[in-house]
Amino acid sequence: MENNHPTVKRIHWYILILIIAWIGLAWYIFNSQYDLLSKIIGLNPVKDISEQTMFKTENKGTITLKSQEDLRRYKVGQPINLQVLADSARADIVGFDLLFKYDKQAFSTPSATTPLTGYTIVTSETEDHFSITAVQIPGSDNRTIFNKDEILKLVFNPLKVGTYEISIIPEADPESTKFVSTESQELIPQTATFKVEVY
């Protein structure tokens, strides 16, 4: 009996290893089908987390460009005061990005201000467009639902004679023209173009 003892012991170990492997395989199959581990430790699957943190995007709202002087013809050197008017389709807005395209040989870089209370703006320029980012100051409790309201004032200085377009463009990778609502939703508005003759 003593001579068989190591063999019996070895057989017991093999059986134990097989049982553990079988339990592990069953657990793997069951967990992959029902995502049990995530439910036990209270985590969402990675897919759900990424979906929750991503912005939802929707085509909504409009932006228009209007001359404050109600003119379409300007002399060289005569400032062009443009108003940017926005309608956010009843969405409460906390920030927006606008991308402008214009002939940089025909106009100097515009100055930009906002009449919106509790907003700050940042401008930047690349070779092919001019961008403005406006955000509500943290802690501001102003509701900002645009209803054909003026959201920006721009002043362009014409440098040479010709007919030109100043446009708000939908996108210029990686940037895009958009409103951001209080519900972290990105609203893509219809954009506009202002045509002007300089003499």
C-alpha atoms as a PDB file:
ATOM      1  CA  MET A   1       0.000   0.000   0.000  1.00  0.00           C
ATOM      2  CA  GLU A   2       2.860   2.317   0.897  1.00  0.00           C
ATOM      3  CA  ASN A   3       4.441   1.615  -2.501  1.00  0.00           C
ATOM      4  CA  ASN A   4       1.312   2.907  -4.316  1.00  0.00           C
ATOM      5  CA  HIS A   5       1.042   6.047  -2.236  1.00  0.00           C
ATOM      6  CA  PRO A   6       3.095   8.409  -4.520  1.00  0.00           C
ATOM      7  CA  THR A   7       1.139   7.208  -7.567  1.00  0.00           C
ATOM      8  CA  VAL A   8      -2.199   7.823  -5.878  1.00  0.00           C
ATOM      9  CA  LYS A   9      -0.964  11.214  -4.762  1.00  0.00           C
ATOM     10  CA  ARG A  10       0.043  12.076  -8.339  1.00  0.00           C
ATOM     11  CA  ILE A  11      -3.362  10.967  -9.672  1.00  0.00           C
ATOM     12  CA  HIS A  12      -5.085  13.199  -7.104  1.00  0.00           C
ATOM     13  CA  TRP A  13      -2.992  16.172  -8.308  1.00  0.00           C
ATOM     14  CA  TYR A  14      -3.899  15.457 -11.960  1.00  0.00           C
ATOM     15  CA  ILE A  15      -7.592  15.281 -11.069  1.00  0.00           C
ATOM     16  CA  LEU A  16      -7.344  18.553  -9.107  1.00  0.00           C
ATOM     17  CA  ILE A  17      -5.581  20.320 -12.020  1.00  0.00           C
ATOM     18  CA  LEU A  18      -8.198  19.029 -14.490  1.00  0.00           C
ATOM     19  CA  ILE A  19     -11.063  20.232 -12.246  1.00  0.00           C
ATOM     20  CA  ILE A  20      -9.493  23.712 -11.909  1.00  0.00           C
ATOM     21  CA  ALA A  21      -8.920  23.911 -15.675  1.00  0.00           C
ATOM     22  CA  TRP A  22     -12.526  22.813 -16.307  1.00  0.00           C
ATOM     23  CA  ILE A  23     -13.886  25.437 -13.886  1.00  0.00           C
ATOM     24  CA  GLY A  24     -11.686  28.111 -15.496  1.00  0.00           C
ATOM     25  CA  LEU A  25     -12.891  27.199 -19.001  1.00  0.00           C
ATOM     26  CA  ALA A  26     -16.537  27.205 -17.889  1.00  0.00           C
ATOM     27  CA  TRP A  27     -16.067  30.584 -16.193  1.00  0.00           C
ATOM     28  CA  TYR A  28     -14.432  32.055 -19.316  1.00  0.00           C
ATOM     29  CA  ILE A  29     -17.246  30.868 -21.604  1.00  0.00           C
ATOM     30  CA  PHE A  30     -19.970  32.005 -19.202  1.00  0.00           C
ATOM     31  CA  ASN A  31     -18.350  35.418 -18.582  1.00  0.00           C
ATOM     32  CA  SER A  32     -17.788  36.113 -22.289  1.00  0.00           C
ATOM     33  CA  GLN A  33     -21.470  35.501 -22.968  1.00  0.00           C
ATOM     34  CA  TYR A  34     -23.013  37.347 -20.033  1.00  0.00           C
ATOM     35  CA  ASP A  35     -20.229  39.771 -19.032  1.00  0.00           C
ATOM     36  CA  LEU A  36     -20.569  38.557 -15.458  1.00  0.00           C
ATOM     37  CA  LEU A  37     -17.287  40.022 -14.234  1.00  0.00           C
ATOM     38  CA  SER A  38     -18.350  43.559 -15.149  1.00  0.00           C
ATOM     39  CA  LYS A  39     -21.657  43.072 -13.345  1.00  0.00           C
ATOM     40  CA  ILE A  40     -19.944  41.705 -10.224  1.00  0.00           C
ATOM     41  CA  ILE A  41     -17.411  44.530  -9.860  1.00  0.00           C
ATOM     42  CA  GLY A  42     -19.871  47.170 -11.053  1.00  0.00           C
ATOM     43  CA  LEU A  43     -18.120  48.292 -14.211  1.00  0.00           C
ATOM     44  CA  ASN A  44     -19.589  48.969 -17.624  1.00  0.00           C
ATOM     45  CA  PRO A  45     -17.943  47.390 -20.637  1.00  0.00           C
ATOM     46  CA  VAL A  46     -15.284  49.544 -22.315  1.00  0.00           C
ATOM     47  CA  LYS A  47     -17.608  50.084 -25.264  1.00  0.00           C
ATOM     48  CA  ASP A  48     -20.271  51.612 -23.017  1.00  0.00           C
ATOM     49  CA  ILE A  49     -17.739  53.904 -21.308  1.00  0.00           C
ATOM     50  CA  SER A  50     -16.472  55.280 -24.618  1.00  0.00           C
ATOM     51  CA  GLU A  51     -20.024  55.844 -25.832  1.00  0.00           C
ATOM     52  CA  GLN A  52     -20.935  57.752 -22.667  1.00  0.00           C
ATOM     53  CA  THR A  53     -17.929  60.094 -22.830  1.00  0.00           C
ATOM     54  CA  MET A  54     -18.225  60.910 -26.518  1.00  0.00           C
ATOM     55  CA  PHE A  55     -20.105  64.015 -27.624  1.00  0.00           C
ATOM     56  CA  LYS A  56     -23.386  63.423 -29.393  1.00  0.00           C
ATOM     57  CA  THR A  57     -23.492  65.350 -32.664  1.00  0.00           C
ATOM     58  CA  GLU A  58     -26.576  66.723 -34.390  1.00  0.00           C
ATOM     59  CA  ASN A  59     -27.202  69.088 -37.306  1.00  0.00           C
ATOM     60  CA  LYS A  60     -29.077  71.898 -35.611  1.00  0.00           C
ATOM     61  CA  GLY A  61     -29.189  75.710 -35.577  1.00  0.00           C
ATOM     62  CA  THR A  62     -28.072  78.452 -37.950  1.00  0.00           C
ATOM     63  CA  ILE A  63     -25.417  81.152 -38.192  1.00  0.00           C
ATOM     64  CA  THR A  64     -25.740  84.254 -40.366  1.00  0.00           C
ATOM     65  CA  LEU A  65     -23.406  87.128 -41.246  1.00  0.00           C
ATOM     66  CA  LYS A  66     -24.674  90.684 -41.501  1.00  0.00           C
ATOM     67  CA  SER A  67     -23.045  94.055 -42.082  1.00  0.00           C
ATOM     68  CA  GLN A  68     -23.701  96.426 -39.186  1.00  0.00           C
ATOM     69  CA  GLU A  69     -23.823  99.321 -41.668  1.00  0.00           C
ATOM     70  CA  ASP A  70     -26.104  97.282 -43.949  1.00  0.00           C
ATOM     71  CA  LEU A  71     -23.639  97.772 -46.819  1.00  0.00           C
ATOM     72  CA  ARG A  72     -22.150  95.484 -49.474  1.00  0.00           C
ATOM     73  CA  ARG A  73     -19.652  98.027 -50.917  1.00  0.00           C
ATOM     74  CA  TYR A  74     -16.717  99.458 -48.995  1.00  0.00           C
ATOM     75  CA  LYS A  75     -13.729 101.606 -49.828  1.00  0.00           C
ATOM     76  CA  VAL A  76     -10.194 100.319 -49.339  1.00  0.00           C
ATOM     77  CA  GLY A  77      -9.348 101.064 -45.709  1.00  0.00           C
ATOM     78  CA  GLN A  78     -12.997 101.472 -44.642  1.00  0.00           C
ATOM     79  CA  PRO A  79     -13.683  99.055 -41.743  1.00  0.00           C
ATOM     80  CA  ILE A  80     -16.258  96.340 -42.395  1.00  0.00           C
ATOM     81  CA  ASN A  81     -18.217  95.711 -39.208  1.00  0.00           C
ATOM     82  CA  LEU A  82     -19.771  92.262 -39.359  1.00  0.00           C
ATOM     83  CA  GLN A  83     -22.292  90.835 -36.918  1.00  0.00           C
ATOM     84  CA  VAL A  84     -22.488  87.078 -36.395  1.00  0.00           C
ATOM     85  CA  LEU A  85     -26.077  86.132 -35.529  1.00  0.00           C
ATOM     86  CA  ALA A  86     -26.977  82.694 -34.194  1.00  0.00           C
ATOM     87  CA  ASP A  87     -30.024  80.539 -33.593  1.00  0.00           C
ATOM     88  CA  SER A  88     -29.359  77.469 -31.427  1.00  0.00           C
ATOM     89  CA  ALA A  89     -32.818  75.899 -31.982  1.00  0.00           C
ATOM     90  CA  ARG A  90     -33.773  76.191 -28.289  1.00  0.00           C
ATOM     91  CA  ALA A  91     -30.556  74.516 -27.054  1.00  0.00           C
ATOM     92  CA  ASP A  92     -28.749  76.084 -24.087  1.00  0.00           C
ATOM     93  CA  ILE A  93     -25.190  76.820 -25.267  1.00  0.00           C
ATOM     94  CA  VAL A  94     -22.003  76.873 -23.148  1.00  0.00           C
ATOM     95  CA  GLY A  95     -19.477  77.311 -25.949  1.00  0.00           C
ATOM     96  CA  PHE A  96     -18.955  77.497 -29.691  1.00  0.00           C
ATOM     97  CA  ASP A  97     -16.281  77.316 -32.380  1.00  0.00           C
ATOM     98  CA  LEU A  98     -16.494  79.309 -35.612  1.00  0.00           C
ATOM     99  CA  LEU A  99     -14.139  78.924 -38.575  1.00  0.00           C
ATOM    100  CA  PHE A 100     -13.781  81.817 -41.050  1.00  0.00           C
ATOM    101  CA  LYS A 101     -12.295  81.754 -44.529  1.00  0.00           C
ATOM    102  CA  TYR A 102     -11.359  84.940 -46.409  1.00  0.00           C
ATOM    103  CA  ASP A 103      -8.742  86.240 -48.845  1.00  0.00           C
ATOM    104  CA  LYS A 104      -5.773  87.103 -46.643  1.00  0.00           C
ATOM    105  CA  GLN A 105      -4.299  89.294 -49.372  1.00  0.00           C
ATOM    106  CA  ALA A 106      -7.499  91.367 -49.461  1.00  0.00           C
ATOM    107  CA  PHE A 107      -8.139  91.777 -45.711  1.00  0.00           C
ATOM    108  CA  SER A 108      -6.107  92.201 -42.574  1.00  0.00           C
ATOM    109  CA  THR A 109      -6.662  89.753 -39.695  1.00  0.00           C
ATOM    110  CA  PRO A 110     -10.029  90.693 -38.154  1.00  0.00           C
ATOM    111  CA  SER A 111     -10.543  91.802 -34.590  1.00  0.00           C
ATOM    112  CA  ALA A 112     -13.233  89.903 -32.671  1.00  0.00           C
ATOM    113  CA  THR A 113     -15.321  90.689 -29.596  1.00  0.00           C
ATOM    114  CA  THR A 114     -18.443  89.149 -28.099  1.00  0.00           C
ATOM    115  CA  PRO A 115     -21.451  90.947 -26.613  1.00  0.00           C
ATOM    116  CA  LEU A 116     -22.408  87.781 -24.687  1.00  0.00           C
ATOM    117  CA  THR A 117     -22.295  88.137 -20.897  1.00  0.00           C
ATOM    118  CA  GLY A 118     -20.091  85.610 -19.112  1.00  0.00           C
ATOM    119  CA  TYR A 119     -18.205  84.467 -22.224  1.00  0.00           C
ATOM    120  CA  THR A 120     -14.544  84.669 -23.087  1.00  0.00           C
ATOM    121  CA  ILE A 121     -13.135  84.246 -26.608  1.00  0.00           C
ATOM    122  CA  VAL A 122      -9.839  83.011 -28.019  1.00  0.00           C
ATOM    123  CA  THR A 123      -8.760  83.523 -31.631  1.00  0.00           C
ATOM    124  CA  SER A 124      -6.168  81.719 -33.720  1.00  0.00           C
ATOM    125  CA  GLU A 125      -5.080  81.828 -37.339  1.00  0.00           C
ATOM    126  CA  THR A 126      -3.698  79.220 -39.726  1.00  0.00           C
ATOM    127  CA  GLU A 127      -2.660  79.509 -43.355  1.00  0.00           C
ATOM    128  CA  ASP A 128      -6.156  78.804 -44.648  1.00  0.00           C
ATOM    129  CA  HIS A 129      -8.624  79.947 -41.952  1.00  0.00           C
ATOM    130  CA  PHE A 130      -9.277  82.071 -38.877  1.00  0.00           C
ATOM    131  CA  SER A 131     -10.887  80.385 -35.868  1.00  0.00           C
ATOM    132  CA  ILE A 132     -12.729  81.728 -32.840  1.00  0.00           C
ATOM    133  CA  THR A 133     -13.488  79.687 -29.743  1.00  0.00           C
ATOM    134  CA  ALA A 134     -15.929  81.106 -27.185  1.00  0.00           C
ATOM    135  CA  VAL A 135     -16.642  79.490 -23.828  1.00  0.00           C
ATOM    136  CA  GLN A 136     -18.814  80.372 -20.893  1.00  0.00           C
ATOM    137  CA  ILE A 137     -16.748  81.349 -17.857  1.00  0.00           C
ATOM    138  CA  PRO A 138     -16.789  78.548 -15.222  1.00  0.00           C
ATOM    139  CA  GLY A 139     -19.366  79.254 -12.534  1.00  0.00           C
ATOM    140  CA  SER A 140     -21.505  81.420 -14.809  1.00  0.00           C
ATOM    141  CA  ASP A 141     -25.193  80.574 -14.413  1.00  0.00           C
ATOM    142  CA  ASN A 142     -26.417  82.587 -17.411  1.00  0.00           C
ATOM    143  CA  ARG A 143     -28.672  80.647 -19.750  1.00  0.00           C
ATOM    144  CA  THR A 144     -27.615  81.194 -23.337  1.00  0.00           C
ATOM    145  CA  ILE A 145     -30.265  80.117 -25.802  1.00  0.00           C
ATOM    146  CA  PHE A 146     -29.522  81.862 -29.097  1.00  0.00           C
ATOM    147  CA  ASN A 147     -32.577  83.202 -30.895  1.00  0.00           C
ATOM    148  CA  LYS A 148     -31.115  85.123 -33.839  1.00  0.00           C
ATOM    149  CA  ASP A 149     -28.889  86.876 -31.299  1.00  0.00           C
ATOM    150  CA  GLU A 150     -25.593  88.597 -32.019  1.00  0.00           C
ATOM    151  CA  ILE A 151     -22.825  86.378 -30.657  1.00  0.00           C
ATOM    152  CA  LEU A 152     -19.775  88.063 -32.236  1.00  0.00           C
ATOM    153  CA  LYS A 153     -18.633  91.371 -33.671  1.00  0.00           C
ATOM    154  CA  LEU A 154     -15.891  91.221 -36.302  1.00  0.00           C
ATOM    155  CA  VAL A 155     -14.020  94.115 -37.891  1.00  0.00           C
ATOM    156  CA  PHE A 156     -12.287  93.454 -41.233  1.00  0.00           C
ATOM    157  CA  ASN A 157     -10.024  96.031 -42.860  1.00  0.00           C
ATOM    158  CA  PRO A 158     -10.108  95.797 -46.709  1.00  0.00           C
ATOM    159  CA  LEU A 159      -6.691  96.182 -48.327  1.00  0.00           C
ATOM    160  CA  LYS A 160      -7.331  96.039 -52.071  1.00  0.00           C
ATOM    161  CA  VAL A 161      -9.983  96.511 -54.736  1.00  0.00           C
ATOM    162  CA  GLY A 162     -12.065  93.511 -55.770  1.00  0.00           C
ATOM    163  CA  THR A 163     -15.101  91.352 -55.010  1.00  0.00           C
ATOM    164  CA  TYR A 164     -14.626  88.931 -52.126  1.00  0.00           C
ATOM    165  CA  GLU A 165     -16.360  86.444 -49.855  1.00  0.00           C
ATOM    166  CA  ILE A 166     -16.032  86.161 -46.098  1.00  0.00           C
ATOM    167  CA  SER A 167     -17.377  82.739 -45.148  1.00  0.00           C
ATOM    168  CA  ILE A 168     -18.054  80.713 -42.039  1.00  0.00           C
ATOM    169  CA  ILE A 169     -16.979  77.235 -43.095  1.00  0.00           C
ATOM    170  CA  PRO A 170     -18.252  73.927 -41.630  1.00  0.00           C
ATOM    171  CA  GLU A 171     -14.843  72.370 -41.037  1.00  0.00           C
ATOM    172  CA  ALA A 172     -11.096  72.494 -41.539  1.00  0.00           C
ATOM    173  CA  ASP A 173      -9.493  69.364 -40.095  1.00  0.00           C
ATOM    174  CA  PRO A 174      -9.298  68.812 -37.223  1.00  0.00           C
ATOM    175  CA  GLU A 175     -11.518  71.805 -36.319  1.00  0.00           C
ATOM    176  CA  SER A 176     -15.202  72.365 -37.054  1.00  0.00           C
ATOM    177  CA  THR A 177     -17.849  75.060 -36.648  1.00  0.00           C
ATOM    178  CA  LYS A 178     -20.178  74.007 -33.831  1.00  0.00           C
ATOM    179  CA  PHE A 179     -22.188  74.923 -30.744  1.00  0.00           C
ATOM    180  CA  VAL A 180     -21.744  72.922 -27.528  1.00  0.00           C
ATOM    181  CA  SER A 181     -24.832  72.624 -25.334  1.00  0.00           C
ATOM    182  CA  THR A 182     -25.169  72.191 -21.572  1.00  0.00           C
ATOM    183  CA  GLU A 183     -25.954  68.524 -22.278  1.00  0.00           C
ATOM    184  CA  SER A 184     -22.503  68.050 -23.875  1.00  0.00           C
ATOM    185  CA  GLN A 185     -24.094  67.815 -27.300  1.00  0.00           C
ATOM    186  CA  GLU A 186     -22.329  69.194 -30.373  1.00  0.00           C
ATOM    187  CA  LEU A 187     -24.713  71.060 -32.655  1.00  0.00           C
ATOM    188  CA  ILE A 188     -23.572  71.618 -36.232  1.00  0.00           C
ATOM    189  CA  PRO A 189     -25.282  74.789 -37.530  1.00  0.00           C
ATOM    190  CA  GLN A 190     -25.930  75.899 -41.086  1.00  0.00           C
ATOM    191  CA  THR A 191     -23.170  78.325 -42.059  1.00  0.00           C
ATOM    192  CA  ALA A 192     -23.179  81.548 -44.078  1.00  0.00           C
ATOM    193  CA  THR A 193     -21.212  83.690 -46.538  1.00  0.00           C
ATOM    194  CA  PHE A 194     -20.956  87.473 -46.782  1.00  0.00           C
ATOM    195  CA  LYS A 195     -20.129  88.888 -50.242  1.00  0.00           C
ATOM    196  CA  VAL A 196     -18.507  92.291 -50.400  1.00  0.00           C
ATOM    197  CA  GLU A 197     -17.190  94.630 -53.078  1.00  0.00           C
ATOM    198  CA  VAL A 198     -14.180  96.768 -52.274  1.00  0.00           C
ATOM    199  CA  TYR A 199     -13.465  99.863 -54.443  1.00  0.00           C
END
